[in-house]
Amino acid sequence: MNPGQRGSATLWGVALMGLLMALATTFATVGSVRVARHRVNNAADLSALAAARLAVVDPEGACDRAAALATQNGVQLTQCTITNEIADVWTSLPISLPISGTRTLTGRSRAGPADADPTESHH
């Protein structure tokens, strides 16, 4: 072994381990973002369905129920409107990423009767 090359295998080993750690961190981050995105969208869907179910009998309480359901699913209800029996909800979920810091994912969903038209007004 050449005396000038002593320890170079250790340096290559450390570099390879650093590369593997960076790849593992990247995959973990991408995976957690995908899970969070599904979570915020699923919570929006469930909240919209809950609000739409109450929209006819209790329009004021519909958004309260949607907010409670969103909270139970670990997200925040940021907006809820009931228009002609159609519930339109927005949810958000802040996530922390290793390099870029905190980001907020948002979800939106609408639910209501199949024959309801949100542009049509009831008189």
PDB file of N, CA and C in Angstrom:
ATOM      1  N   MET A   1       0.844  -1.169   0.000  1.00  0.00           N
ATOM      2  CA  MET A   1       0.000   0.000   0.000  1.00  0.00           C
ATOM      3  C   MET A   1       0.886   1.227   0.000  1.00  0.00           C
ATOM      4  N   ASN A   2       0.583   2.159  -0.843  1.00  0.00           N
ATOM      5  CA  ASN A   2       1.312   3.416  -0.935  1.00  0.00           C
ATOM      6  C   ASN A   2       1.036   4.242   0.313  1.00  0.00           C
ATOM      7  N   PRO A   3       2.063   4.761   0.993  1.00  0.00           N
ATOM      8  CA  PRO A   3       1.844   5.539   2.213  1.00  0.00           C
ATOM      9  C   PRO A   3       0.982   6.782   1.982  1.00  0.00           C
ATOM     10  N   GLY A   4       0.938   7.346   0.785  1.00  0.00           N
ATOM     11  CA  GLY A   4       0.121   8.525   0.491  1.00  0.00           C
ATOM     12  C   GLY A   4      -1.362   8.208   0.420  1.00  0.00           C
ATOM     13  N   GLN A   5      -1.700   6.919   0.239  1.00  0.00           N
ATOM     14  CA  GLN A   5      -3.101   6.525   0.114  1.00  0.00           C
ATOM     15  C   GLN A   5      -3.687   5.988   1.419  1.00  0.00           C
ATOM     16  N   ARG A   6      -2.891   5.990   2.460  1.00  0.00           N
ATOM     17  CA  ARG A   6      -3.357   5.450   3.740  1.00  0.00           C
ATOM     18  C   ARG A   6      -4.538   6.300   4.239  1.00  0.00           C
ATOM     19  N   GLY A   7      -5.636   5.685   4.579  1.00  0.00           N
ATOM     20  CA  GLY A   7      -6.809   6.400   5.091  1.00  0.00           C
ATOM     21  C   GLY A   7      -7.778   6.834   4.006  1.00  0.00           C
ATOM     22  N   SER A   8      -7.454   6.681   2.722  1.00  0.00           N
ATOM     23  CA  SER A   8      -8.368   7.111   1.669  1.00  0.00           C
ATOM     24  C   SER A   8      -9.626   6.249   1.640  1.00  0.00           C
ATOM     25  N   ALA A   9      -9.518   4.974   2.022  1.00  0.00           N
ATOM     26  CA  ALA A   9     -10.697   4.104   2.071  1.00  0.00           C
ATOM     27  C   ALA A   9     -11.671   4.608   3.136  1.00  0.00           C
ATOM     28  N   THR A  10     -11.144   5.119   4.228  1.00  0.00           N
ATOM     29  CA  THR A  10     -11.999   5.670   5.283  1.00  0.00           C
ATOM     30  C   THR A  10     -12.747   6.891   4.773  1.00  0.00           C
ATOM     31  N   LEU A  11     -12.067   7.757   4.050  1.00  0.00           N
ATOM     32  CA  LEU A  11     -12.709   8.944   3.490  1.00  0.00           C
ATOM     33  C   LEU A  11     -13.816   8.561   2.510  1.00  0.00           C
ATOM     34  N   TRP A  12     -13.539   7.571   1.666  1.00  0.00           N
ATOM     35  CA  TRP A  12     -14.574   7.123   0.721  1.00  0.00           C
ATOM     36  C   TRP A  12     -15.752   6.512   1.464  1.00  0.00           C
ATOM     37  N   GLY A  13     -15.474   5.766   2.510  1.00  0.00           N
ATOM     38  CA  GLY A  13     -16.545   5.166   3.314  1.00  0.00           C
ATOM     39  C   GLY A  13     -17.418   6.231   3.977  1.00  0.00           C
ATOM     40  N   VAL A  14     -16.782   7.269   4.511  1.00  0.00           N
ATOM     41  CA  VAL A  14     -17.531   8.361   5.138  1.00  0.00           C
ATOM     42  C   VAL A  14     -18.366   9.097   4.086  1.00  0.00           C
ATOM     43  N   ALA A  15     -17.799   9.346   2.918  1.00  0.00           N
ATOM     44  CA  ALA A  15     -18.532  10.030   1.846  1.00  0.00           C
ATOM     45  C   ALA A  15     -19.734   9.201   1.399  1.00  0.00           C
ATOM     46  N   LEU A  16     -19.551   7.896   1.272  1.00  0.00           N
ATOM     47  CA  LEU A  16     -20.642   7.020   0.870  1.00  0.00           C
ATOM     48  C   LEU A  16     -21.745   6.999   1.936  1.00  0.00           C
ATOM     49  N   MET A  17     -21.359   6.954   3.203  1.00  0.00           N
ATOM     50  CA  MET A  17     -22.353   6.979   4.271  1.00  0.00           C
ATOM     51  C   MET A  17     -23.120   8.302   4.272  1.00  0.00           C
ATOM     52  N   GLY A  18     -22.426   9.401   4.013  1.00  0.00           N
ATOM     53  CA  GLY A  18     -23.095  10.706   3.937  1.00  0.00           C
ATOM     54  C   GLY A  18     -24.099  10.744   2.797  1.00  0.00           C
ATOM     55  N   LEU A  19     -23.715  10.190   1.649  1.00  0.00           N
ATOM     56  CA  LEU A  19     -24.618  10.140   0.497  1.00  0.00           C
ATOM     57  C   LEU A  19     -25.847   9.281   0.805  1.00  0.00           C
ATOM     58  N   LEU A  20     -25.629   8.141   1.431  1.00  0.00           N
ATOM     59  CA  LEU A  20     -26.749   7.268   1.793  1.00  0.00           C
ATOM     60  C   LEU A  20     -27.678   7.946   2.802  1.00  0.00           C
ATOM     61  N   MET A  21     -27.134   8.677   3.758  1.00  0.00           N
ATOM     62  CA  MET A  21     -27.963   9.395   4.731  1.00  0.00           C
ATOM     63  C   MET A  21     -28.781  10.484   4.036  1.00  0.00           C
ATOM     64  N   ALA A  22     -28.171  11.187   3.083  1.00  0.00           N
ATOM     65  CA  ALA A  22     -28.891  12.230   2.344  1.00  0.00           C
ATOM     66  C   ALA A  22     -30.035  11.617   1.539  1.00  0.00           C
ATOM     67  N   LEU A  23     -29.791  10.492   0.900  1.00  0.00           N
ATOM     68  CA  LEU A  23     -30.845   9.811   0.145  1.00  0.00           C
ATOM     69  C   LEU A  23     -31.966   9.326   1.069  1.00  0.00           C
ATOM     70  N   ALA A  24     -31.612   8.771   2.210  1.00  0.00           N
ATOM     71  CA  ALA A  24     -32.627   8.291   3.152  1.00  0.00           C
ATOM     72  C   ALA A  24     -33.468   9.460   3.666  1.00  0.00           C
ATOM     73  N   THR A  25     -32.833  10.579   3.959  1.00  0.00           N
ATOM     74  CA  THR A  25     -33.557  11.765   4.422  1.00  0.00           C
ATOM     75  C   THR A  25     -34.499  12.281   3.344  1.00  0.00           C
ATOM     76  N   THR A  26     -34.046  12.287   2.102  1.00  0.00           N
ATOM     77  CA  THR A  26     -34.884  12.739   0.995  1.00  0.00           C
ATOM     78  C   THR A  26     -36.106  11.846   0.830  1.00  0.00           C
ATOM     79  N   PHE A  27     -35.899  10.539   0.848  1.00  0.00           N
ATOM     80  CA  PHE A  27     -37.028   9.613   0.713  1.00  0.00           C
ATOM     81  C   PHE A  27     -38.000   9.749   1.881  1.00  0.00           C
ATOM     82  N   ALA A  28     -37.480   9.913   3.091  1.00  0.00           N
ATOM     83  CA  ALA A  28     -38.344  10.079   4.265  1.00  0.00           C
ATOM     84  C   ALA A  28     -39.153  11.368   4.159  1.00  0.00           C
ATOM     85  N   THR A  29     -38.531  12.439   3.686  1.00  0.00           N
ATOM     86  CA  THR A  29     -39.228  13.722   3.545  1.00  0.00           C
ATOM     87  C   THR A  29     -40.329  13.630   2.496  1.00  0.00           C
ATOM     88  N   VAL A  30     -40.014  13.045   1.348  1.00  0.00           N
ATOM     89  CA  VAL A  30     -41.017  12.888   0.288  1.00  0.00           C
ATOM     90  C   VAL A  30     -42.170  12.026   0.785  1.00  0.00           C
ATOM     91  N   GLY A  31     -41.861  10.970   1.500  1.00  0.00           N
ATOM     92  CA  GLY A  31     -42.907  10.109   2.042  1.00  0.00           C
ATOM     93  C   GLY A  31     -43.792  10.832   3.038  1.00  0.00           C
ATOM     94  N   SER A  32     -43.195  11.630   3.920  1.00  0.00           N
ATOM     95  CA  SER A  32     -44.007  12.331   4.917  1.00  0.00           C
ATOM     96  C   SER A  32     -44.864  13.412   4.280  1.00  0.00           C
ATOM     97  N   VAL A  33     -44.387  14.056   3.221  1.00  0.00           N
ATOM     98  CA  VAL A  33     -45.187  15.056   2.508  1.00  0.00           C
ATOM     99  C   VAL A  33     -46.377  14.383   1.829  1.00  0.00           C
ATOM    100  N   ARG A  34     -46.158  13.228   1.234  1.00  0.00           N
ATOM    101  CA  ARG A  34     -47.261  12.513   0.580  1.00  0.00           C
ATOM    102  C   ARG A  34     -48.316  12.084   1.593  1.00  0.00           C
ATOM    103  N   VAL A  35     -47.887  11.592   2.740  1.00  0.00           N
ATOM    104  CA  VAL A  35     -48.827  11.194   3.785  1.00  0.00           C
ATOM    105  C   VAL A  35     -49.614  12.412   4.270  1.00  0.00           C
ATOM    106  N   ALA A  36     -48.922  13.530   4.492  1.00  0.00           N
ATOM    107  CA  ALA A  36     -49.587  14.756   4.960  1.00  0.00           C
ATOM    108  C   ALA A  36     -50.582  15.270   3.923  1.00  0.00           C
ATOM    109  N   ARG A  37     -50.219  15.197   2.648  1.00  0.00           N
ATOM    110  CA  ARG A  37     -51.128  15.649   1.591  1.00  0.00           C
ATOM    111  C   ARG A  37     -52.403  14.795   1.563  1.00  0.00           C
ATOM    112  N   HIS A  38     -52.246  13.475   1.701  1.00  0.00           N
ATOM    113  CA  HIS A  38     -53.422  12.592   1.768  1.00  0.00           C
ATOM    114  C   HIS A  38     -54.268  12.926   2.999  1.00  0.00           C
ATOM    115  N   ARG A  39     -53.593  13.184   4.092  1.00  0.00           N
ATOM    116  CA  ARG A  39     -54.305  13.483   5.341  1.00  0.00           C
ATOM    117  C   ARG A  39     -55.143  14.755   5.222  1.00  0.00           C
ATOM    118  N   VAL A  40     -54.564  15.824   4.666  1.00  0.00           N
ATOM    119  CA  VAL A  40     -55.290  17.087   4.557  1.00  0.00           C
ATOM    120  C   VAL A  40     -56.443  16.974   3.558  1.00  0.00           C
ATOM    121  N   ASN A  41     -56.252  16.231   2.485  1.00  0.00           N
ATOM    122  CA  ASN A  41     -57.325  16.050   1.501  1.00  0.00           C
ATOM    123  C   ASN A  41     -58.435  15.134   2.017  1.00  0.00           C
ATOM    124  N   ASN A  42     -58.066  14.056   2.711  1.00  0.00           N
ATOM    125  CA  ASN A  42     -59.083  13.167   3.276  1.00  0.00           C
ATOM    126  C   ASN A  42     -59.912  13.889   4.337  1.00  0.00           C
ATOM    127  N   ALA A  43     -59.247  14.696   5.149  1.00  0.00           N
ATOM    128  CA  ALA A  43     -59.977  15.455   6.173  1.00  0.00           C
ATOM    129  C   ALA A  43     -60.930  16.455   5.521  1.00  0.00           C
ATOM    130  N   ALA A  44     -60.515  17.062   4.412  1.00  0.00           N
ATOM    131  CA  ALA A  44     -61.406  17.985   3.690  1.00  0.00           C
ATOM    132  C   ALA A  44     -62.623  17.240   3.166  1.00  0.00           C
ATOM    133  N   ASP A  45     -62.411  16.066   2.596  1.00  0.00           N
ATOM    134  CA  ASP A  45     -63.531  15.270   2.079  1.00  0.00           C
ATOM    135  C   ASP A  45     -64.511  14.898   3.189  1.00  0.00           C
ATOM    136  N   LEU A  46     -63.986  14.384   4.295  1.00  0.00           N
ATOM    137  CA  LEU A  46     -64.853  13.984   5.406  1.00  0.00           C
ATOM    138  C   LEU A  46     -65.596  15.180   6.000  1.00  0.00           C
ATOM    139  N   SER A  47     -64.906  16.301   6.132  1.00  0.00           N
ATOM    140  CA  SER A  47     -65.539  17.498   6.696  1.00  0.00           C
ATOM    141  C   SER A  47     -66.629  18.030   5.785  1.00  0.00           C
ATOM    142  N   ALA A  48     -66.382  18.008   4.482  1.00  0.00           N
ATOM    143  CA  ALA A  48     -67.397  18.475   3.531  1.00  0.00           C
ATOM    144  C   ALA A  48     -68.630  17.576   3.571  1.00  0.00           C
ATOM    145  N   LEU A  49     -68.419  16.275   3.650  1.00  0.00           N
ATOM    146  CA  LEU A  49     -69.551  15.356   3.735  1.00  0.00           C
ATOM    147  C   LEU A  49     -70.354  15.576   5.014  1.00  0.00           C
ATOM    148  N   ALA A  50     -69.654  15.779   6.119  1.00  0.00           N
ATOM    149  CA  ALA A  50     -70.355  16.020   7.388  1.00  0.00           C
ATOM    150  C   ALA A  50     -71.148  17.315   7.337  1.00  0.00           C
ATOM    151  N   ALA A  51     -70.555  18.364   6.765  1.00  0.00           N
ATOM    152  CA  ALA A  51     -71.248  19.649   6.667  1.00  0.00           C
ATOM    153  C   ALA A  51     -72.436  19.557   5.721  1.00  0.00           C
ATOM    154  N   ALA A  52     -72.278  18.865   4.606  1.00  0.00           N
ATOM    155  CA  ALA A  52     -73.367  18.735   3.636  1.00  0.00           C
ATOM    156  C   ALA A  52     -74.542  17.972   4.237  1.00  0.00           C
ATOM    157  N   ARG A  53     -74.230  17.011   5.070  1.00  0.00           N
ATOM    158  CA  ARG A  53     -75.292  16.224   5.701  1.00  0.00           C
ATOM    159  C   ARG A  53     -76.170  17.093   6.600  1.00  0.00           C
ATOM    160  N   LEU A  54     -75.563  18.107   7.221  1.00  0.00           N
ATOM    161  CA  LEU A  54     -76.307  18.990   8.121  1.00  0.00           C
ATOM    162  C   LEU A  54     -76.777  20.282   7.451  1.00  0.00           C
ATOM    163  N   ALA A  55     -76.366  20.517   6.218  1.00  0.00           N
ATOM    164  CA  ALA A  55     -76.629  21.795   5.551  1.00  0.00           C
ATOM    165  C   ALA A  55     -78.112  22.132   5.474  1.00  0.00           C
ATOM    166  N   VAL A  56     -78.969  21.166   5.298  1.00  0.00           N
ATOM    167  CA  VAL A  56     -80.402  21.420   5.149  1.00  0.00           C
ATOM    168  C   VAL A  56     -81.054  21.677   6.503  1.00  0.00           C
ATOM    169  N   VAL A  57     -80.760  20.845   7.481  1.00  0.00           N
ATOM    170  CA  VAL A  57     -81.440  20.945   8.774  1.00  0.00           C
ATOM    171  C   VAL A  57     -80.790  21.935   9.739  1.00  0.00           C
ATOM    172  N   ASP A  58     -79.476  22.149   9.643  1.00  0.00           N
ATOM    173  CA  ASP A  58     -78.768  23.041  10.567  1.00  0.00           C
ATOM    174  C   ASP A  58     -77.596  23.711   9.860  1.00  0.00           C
ATOM    175  N   PRO A  59     -77.866  24.685   8.962  1.00  0.00           N
ATOM    176  CA  PRO A  59     -76.781  25.315   8.204  1.00  0.00           C
ATOM    177  C   PRO A  59     -75.725  25.978   9.090  1.00  0.00           C
ATOM    178  N   GLU A  60     -76.148  26.551  10.229  1.00  0.00           N
ATOM    179  CA  GLU A  60     -75.180  27.204  11.111  1.00  0.00           C
ATOM    180  C   GLU A  60     -74.273  26.177  11.792  1.00  0.00           C
ATOM    181  N   GLY A  61     -74.832  25.054  12.178  1.00  0.00           N
ATOM    182  CA  GLY A  61     -74.052  24.028  12.856  1.00  0.00           C
ATOM    183  C   GLY A  61     -73.238  23.153  11.922  1.00  0.00           C
ATOM    184  N   ALA A  62     -73.521  23.233  10.622  1.00  0.00           N
ATOM    185  CA  ALA A  62     -72.823  22.381   9.654  1.00  0.00           C
ATOM    186  C   ALA A  62     -71.322  22.640   9.648  1.00  0.00           C
ATOM    187  N   CYS A  63     -70.948  23.899   9.642  1.00  0.00           N
ATOM    188  CA  CYS A  63     -69.515  24.229   9.613  1.00  0.00           C
ATOM    189  C   CYS A  63     -68.853  23.929  10.954  1.00  0.00           C
ATOM    190  N   ASP A  64     -69.614  24.040  12.050  1.00  0.00           N
ATOM    191  CA  ASP A  64     -69.063  23.668  13.355  1.00  0.00           C
ATOM    192  C   ASP A  64     -68.728  22.181  13.375  1.00  0.00           C
ATOM    193  N   ARG A  65     -69.606  21.373  12.826  1.00  0.00           N
ATOM    194  CA  ARG A  65     -69.363  19.931  12.756  1.00  0.00           C
ATOM    195  C   ARG A  65     -68.175  19.628  11.861  1.00  0.00           C
ATOM    196  N   ALA A  66     -68.079  20.350  10.738  1.00  0.00           N
ATOM    197  CA  ALA A  66     -66.944  20.154   9.829  1.00  0.00           C
ATOM    198  C   ALA A  66     -65.632  20.503  10.519  1.00  0.00           C
ATOM    199  N   ALA A  67     -65.626  21.588  11.302  1.00  0.00           N
ATOM    200  CA  ALA A  67     -64.413  22.001  12.019  1.00  0.00           C
ATOM    201  C   ALA A  67     -64.016  20.957  13.063  1.00  0.00           C
ATOM    202  N   ALA A  68     -65.007  20.435  13.778  1.00  0.00           N
ATOM    203  CA  ALA A  68     -64.723  19.412  14.793  1.00  0.00           C
ATOM    204  C   ALA A  68     -64.148  18.150  14.152  1.00  0.00           C
ATOM    205  N   LEU A  69     -64.701  17.760  13.028  1.00  0.00           N
ATOM    206  CA  LEU A  69     -64.218  16.563  12.338  1.00  0.00           C
ATOM    207  C   LEU A  69     -62.804  16.781  11.792  1.00  0.00           C
ATOM    208  N   ALA A  70     -62.539  17.969  11.258  1.00  0.00           N
ATOM    209  CA  ALA A  70     -61.190  18.276  10.764  1.00  0.00           C
ATOM    210  C   ALA A  70     -60.186  18.183  11.911  1.00  0.00           C
ATOM    211  N   THR A  71     -60.540  18.757  13.067  1.00  0.00           N
ATOM    212  CA  THR A  71     -59.652  18.717  14.229  1.00  0.00           C
ATOM    213  C   THR A  71     -59.397  17.285  14.676  1.00  0.00           C
ATOM    214  N   GLN A  72     -60.431  16.455  14.665  1.00  0.00           N
ATOM    215  CA  GLN A  72     -60.265  15.051  15.042  1.00  0.00           C
ATOM    216  C   GLN A  72     -59.303  14.334  14.097  1.00  0.00           C
ATOM    217  N   ASN A  73     -59.207  14.823  12.859  1.00  0.00           N
ATOM    218  CA  ASN A  73     -58.308  14.216  11.878  1.00  0.00           C
ATOM    219  C   ASN A  73     -56.953  14.903  11.823  1.00  0.00           C
ATOM    220  N   GLY A  74     -56.691  15.797  12.769  1.00  0.00           N
ATOM    221  CA  GLY A  74     -55.371  16.409  12.892  1.00  0.00           C
ATOM    222  C   GLY A  74     -55.089  17.553  11.948  1.00  0.00           C
ATOM    223  N   VAL A  75     -56.123  18.148  11.355  1.00  0.00           N
ATOM    224  CA  VAL A  75     -55.927  19.298  10.473  1.00  0.00           C
ATOM    225  C   VAL A  75     -56.821  20.443  10.945  1.00  0.00           C
ATOM    226  N   GLN A  76     -56.628  21.602  10.357  1.00  0.00           N
ATOM    227  CA  GLN A  76     -57.427  22.765  10.723  1.00  0.00           C
ATOM    228  C   GLN A  76     -58.378  23.113   9.591  1.00  0.00           C
ATOM    229  N   LEU A  77     -59.623  23.393   9.950  1.00  0.00           N
ATOM    230  CA  LEU A  77     -60.593  23.893   8.972  1.00  0.00           C
ATOM    231  C   LEU A  77     -60.351  25.394   8.841  1.00  0.00           C
ATOM    232  N   THR A  78     -59.986  25.847   7.649  1.00  0.00           N
ATOM    233  CA  THR A  78     -59.674  27.263   7.469  1.00  0.00           C
ATOM    234  C   THR A  78     -60.831  28.055   6.891  1.00  0.00           C
ATOM    235  N   GLN A  79     -61.731  27.375   6.178  1.00  0.00           N
ATOM    236  CA  GLN A  79     -62.898  28.061   5.632  1.00  0.00           C
ATOM    237  C   GLN A  79     -63.996  27.047   5.370  1.00  0.00           C
ATOM    238  N   CYS A  80     -65.232  27.497   5.589  1.00  0.00           N
ATOM    239  CA  CYS A  80     -66.387  26.629   5.343  1.00  0.00           C
ATOM    240  C   CYS A  80     -67.547  27.512   4.919  1.00  0.00           C
ATOM    241  N   THR A  81     -68.137  27.190   3.782  1.00  0.00           N
ATOM    242  CA  THR A  81     -69.324  27.919   3.331  1.00  0.00           C
ATOM    243  C   THR A  81     -70.396  26.918   2.926  1.00  0.00           C
ATOM    244  N   ILE A  82     -71.624  27.290   3.200  1.00  0.00           N
ATOM    245  CA  ILE A  82     -72.774  26.487   2.801  1.00  0.00           C
ATOM    246  C   ILE A  82     -73.567  27.338   1.821  1.00  0.00           C
ATOM    247  N   THR A  83     -73.706  26.865   0.594  1.00  0.00           N
ATOM    248  CA  THR A  83     -74.449  27.571  -0.445  1.00  0.00           C
ATOM    249  C   THR A  83     -75.415  26.598  -1.099  1.00  0.00           C
ATOM    250  N   ASN A  84     -76.712  26.865  -0.919  1.00  0.00           N
ATOM    251  CA  ASN A  84     -77.729  26.001  -1.536  1.00  0.00           C
ATOM    252  C   ASN A  84     -77.484  24.524  -1.262  1.00  0.00           C
ATOM    253  N   GLU A  85     -77.301  24.192  -0.009  1.00  0.00           N
ATOM    254  CA  GLU A  85     -77.118  22.811   0.443  1.00  0.00           C
ATOM    255  C   GLU A  85     -75.771  22.205   0.059  1.00  0.00           C
ATOM    256  N   ILE A  86     -74.883  23.000  -0.502  1.00  0.00           N
ATOM    257  CA  ILE A  86     -73.560  22.502  -0.875  1.00  0.00           C
ATOM    258  C   ILE A  86     -72.542  23.049   0.122  1.00  0.00           C
ATOM    259  N   ALA A  87     -71.776  22.132   0.701  1.00  0.00           N
ATOM    260  CA  ALA A  87     -70.714  22.512   1.636  1.00  0.00           C
ATOM    261  C   ALA A  87     -69.404  22.604   0.872  1.00  0.00           C
ATOM    262  N   ASP A  88     -68.701  23.695   1.093  1.00  0.00           N
ATOM    263  CA  ASP A  88     -67.397  23.926   0.467  1.00  0.00           C
ATOM    264  C   ASP A  88     -66.416  24.198   1.602  1.00  0.00           C
ATOM    265  N   VAL A  89     -65.456  23.294   1.810  1.00  0.00           N
ATOM    266  CA  VAL A  89     -64.534  23.432   2.936  1.00  0.00           C
ATOM    267  C   VAL A  89     -63.080  23.434   2.476  1.00  0.00           C
ATOM    268  N   TRP A  90     -62.277  24.165   3.235  1.00  0.00           N
ATOM    269  CA  TRP A  90     -60.831  24.231   3.025  1.00  0.00           C
ATOM    270  C   TRP A  90     -60.162  23.803   4.315  1.00  0.00           C
ATOM    271  N   THR A  91     -59.143  22.967   4.200  1.00  0.00           N
ATOM    272  CA  THR A  91     -58.383  22.521   5.363  1.00  0.00           C
ATOM    273  C   THR A  91     -56.912  22.849   5.161  1.00  0.00           C
ATOM    274  N   SER A  92     -56.169  22.903   6.263  1.00  0.00           N
ATOM    275  CA  SER A  92     -54.736  23.153   6.164  1.00  0.00           C
ATOM    276  C   SER A  92     -53.994  22.324   7.206  1.00  0.00           C
ATOM    277  N   LEU A  93     -52.737  22.042   6.897  1.00  0.00           N
ATOM    278  CA  LEU A  93     -51.881  21.269   7.781  1.00  0.00           C
ATOM    279  C   LEU A  93     -50.447  21.768   7.612  1.00  0.00           C
ATOM    280  N   PRO A  94     -49.874  22.390   8.657  1.00  0.00           N
ATOM    281  CA  PRO A  94     -48.470  22.804   8.565  1.00  0.00           C
ATOM    282  C   PRO A  94     -47.550  21.597   8.764  1.00  0.00           C
ATOM    283  N   ILE A  95     -46.514  21.524   7.950  1.00  0.00           N
ATOM    284  CA  ILE A  95     -45.523  20.459   8.093  1.00  0.00           C
ATOM    285  C   ILE A  95     -44.140  21.098   8.124  1.00  0.00           C
ATOM    286  N   SER A  96     -43.223  20.447   8.798  1.00  0.00           N
ATOM    287  CA  SER A  96     -41.856  20.949   8.916  1.00  0.00           C
ATOM    288  C   SER A  96     -40.945  20.100   8.036  1.00  0.00           C
ATOM    289  N   LEU A  97     -40.215  20.778   7.143  1.00  0.00           N
ATOM    290  CA  LEU A  97     -39.301  20.088   6.235  1.00  0.00           C
ATOM    291  C   LEU A  97     -37.860  20.403   6.635  1.00  0.00           C
ATOM    292  N   PRO A  98     -36.936  19.447   6.455  1.00  0.00           N
ATOM    293  CA  PRO A  98     -35.567  19.623   6.929  1.00  0.00           C
ATOM    294  C   PRO A  98     -34.855  20.884   6.425  1.00  0.00           C
ATOM    295  N   ILE A  99     -34.916  21.189   5.158  1.00  0.00           N
ATOM    296  CA  ILE A  99     -34.145  22.312   4.625  1.00  0.00           C
ATOM    297  C   ILE A  99     -34.998  23.554   4.425  1.00  0.00           C
ATOM    298  N   SER A 100     -36.202  23.389   3.913  1.00  0.00           N
ATOM    299  CA  SER A 100     -37.021  24.552   3.574  1.00  0.00           C
ATOM    300  C   SER A 100     -37.888  25.061   4.716  1.00  0.00           C
ATOM    301  N   GLY A 101     -37.879  24.420   5.873  1.00  0.00           N
ATOM    302  CA  GLY A 101     -38.637  24.900   7.025  1.00  0.00           C
ATOM    303  C   GLY A 101     -40.092  24.470   6.987  1.00  0.00           C
ATOM    304  N   THR A 102     -40.951  25.288   7.597  1.00  0.00           N
ATOM    305  CA  THR A 102     -42.368  24.946   7.708  1.00  0.00           C
ATOM    306  C   THR A 102     -43.126  25.347   6.452  1.00  0.00           C
ATOM    307  N   ARG A 103     -43.937  24.438   5.974  1.00  0.00           N
ATOM    308  CA  ARG A 103     -44.811  24.683   4.827  1.00  0.00           C
ATOM    309  C   ARG A 103     -46.227  24.296   5.242  1.00  0.00           C
ATOM    310  N   THR A 104     -47.221  24.893   4.582  1.00  0.00           N
ATOM    311  CA  THR A 104     -48.608  24.567   4.874  1.00  0.00           C
ATOM    312  C   THR A 104     -49.254  23.917   3.661  1.00  0.00           C
ATOM    313  N   LEU A 105     -49.766  22.720   3.864  1.00  0.00           N
ATOM    314  CA  LEU A 105     -50.497  22.014   2.815  1.00  0.00           C
ATOM    315  C   LEU A 105     -51.973  22.352   2.980  1.00  0.00           C
ATOM    316  N   THR A 106     -52.677  22.490   1.865  1.00  0.00           N
ATOM    317  CA  THR A 106     -54.097  22.811   1.930  1.00  0.00           C
ATOM    318  C   THR A 106     -54.899  21.773   1.160  1.00  0.00           C
ATOM    319  N   GLY A 107     -56.129  21.597   1.599  1.00  0.00           N
ATOM    320  CA  GLY A 107     -57.060  20.703   0.919  1.00  0.00           C
ATOM    321  C   GLY A 107     -58.388  21.417   0.754  1.00  0.00           C
ATOM    322  N   ARG A 108     -59.132  21.033  -0.239  1.00  0.00           N
ATOM    323  CA  ARG A 108     -60.448  21.610  -0.478  1.00  0.00           C
ATOM    324  C   ARG A 108     -61.378  20.520  -0.983  1.00  0.00           C
ATOM    325  N   SER A 109     -62.623  20.586  -0.518  1.00  0.00           N
ATOM    326  CA  SER A 109     -63.594  19.608  -0.971  1.00  0.00           C
ATOM    327  C   SER A 109     -64.981  20.226  -0.933  1.00  0.00           C
ATOM    328  N   ARG A 110     -65.832  19.750  -1.825  1.00  0.00           N
ATOM    329  CA  ARG A 110     -67.230  20.183  -1.892  1.00  0.00           C
ATOM    330  C   ARG A 110     -68.110  18.951  -1.839  1.00  0.00           C
ATOM    331  N   ALA A 111     -69.241  19.094  -1.156  1.00  0.00           N
ATOM    332  CA  ALA A 111     -70.185  17.981  -1.073  1.00  0.00           C
ATOM    333  C   ALA A 111     -71.589  18.542  -0.961  1.00  0.00           C
ATOM    334  N   GLY A 112     -72.528  17.799  -1.494  1.00  0.00           N
ATOM    335  CA  GLY A 112     -73.936  18.191  -1.434  1.00  0.00           C
ATOM    336  C   GLY A 112     -74.784  17.215  -2.206  1.00  0.00           C
ATOM    337  N   PRO A 113     -76.082  17.488  -2.276  1.00  0.00           N
ATOM    338  CA  PRO A 113     -76.973  16.605  -3.031  1.00  0.00           C
ATOM    339  C   PRO A 113     -76.568  16.546  -4.502  1.00  0.00           C
ATOM    340  N   ALA A 114     -76.815  15.420  -5.116  1.00  0.00           N
ATOM    341  CA  ALA A 114     -76.425  15.232  -6.513  1.00  0.00           C
ATOM    342  C   ALA A 114     -77.116  16.214  -7.448  1.00  0.00           C
ATOM    343  N   ASP A 115     -78.332  16.640  -7.110  1.00  0.00           N
ATOM    344  CA  ASP A 115     -79.073  17.519  -8.006  1.00  0.00           C
ATOM    345  C   ASP A 115     -78.949  18.997  -7.633  1.00  0.00           C
ATOM    346  N   ALA A 116     -78.127  19.332  -6.657  1.00  0.00           N
ATOM    347  CA  ALA A 116     -77.996  20.739  -6.236  1.00  0.00           C
ATOM    348  C   ALA A 116     -77.088  21.496  -7.192  1.00  0.00           C
ATOM    349  N   ASP A 117     -77.451  22.729  -7.481  1.00  0.00           N
ATOM    350  CA  ASP A 117     -76.666  23.615  -8.333  1.00  0.00           C
ATOM    351  C   ASP A 117     -76.239  24.821  -7.497  1.00  0.00           C
ATOM    352  N   PRO A 118     -74.931  25.013  -7.254  1.00  0.00           N
ATOM    353  CA  PRO A 118     -74.486  26.084  -6.382  1.00  0.00           C
ATOM    354  C   PRO A 118     -74.752  27.481  -6.950  1.00  0.00           C
ATOM    355  N   THR A 119     -75.044  27.589  -8.237  1.00  0.00           N
ATOM    356  CA  THR A 119     -75.307  28.916  -8.831  1.00  0.00           C
ATOM    357  C   THR A 119     -76.776  29.283  -8.787  1.00  0.00           C
ATOM    358  N   GLU A 120     -77.604  28.309  -8.497  1.00  0.00           N
ATOM    359  CA  GLU A 120     -79.051  28.535  -8.471  1.00  0.00           C
ATOM    360  C   GLU A 120     -79.465  28.973  -7.069  1.00  0.00           C
ATOM    361  N   SER A 121     -80.276  30.005  -6.951  1.00  0.00           N
ATOM    362  CA  SER A 121     -80.715  30.463  -5.625  1.00  0.00           C
ATOM    363  C   SER A 121     -82.146  30.001  -5.378  1.00  0.00           C
ATOM    364  N   HIS A 122     -82.426  29.699  -4.112  1.00  0.00           N
ATOM    365  CA  HIS A 122     -83.750  29.279  -3.697  1.00  0.00           C
ATOM    366  C   HIS A 122     -84.545  30.488  -3.211  1.00  0.00           C
ATOM    367  N   HIS A 123     -85.760  30.649  -3.644  1.00  0.00           N
ATOM    368  CA  HIS A 123     -86.597  31.758  -3.190  1.00  0.00           C
ATOM    369  C   HIS A 123     -87.803  31.250  -2.491  1.00  0.00           C
TER     370      HIS A 123
END
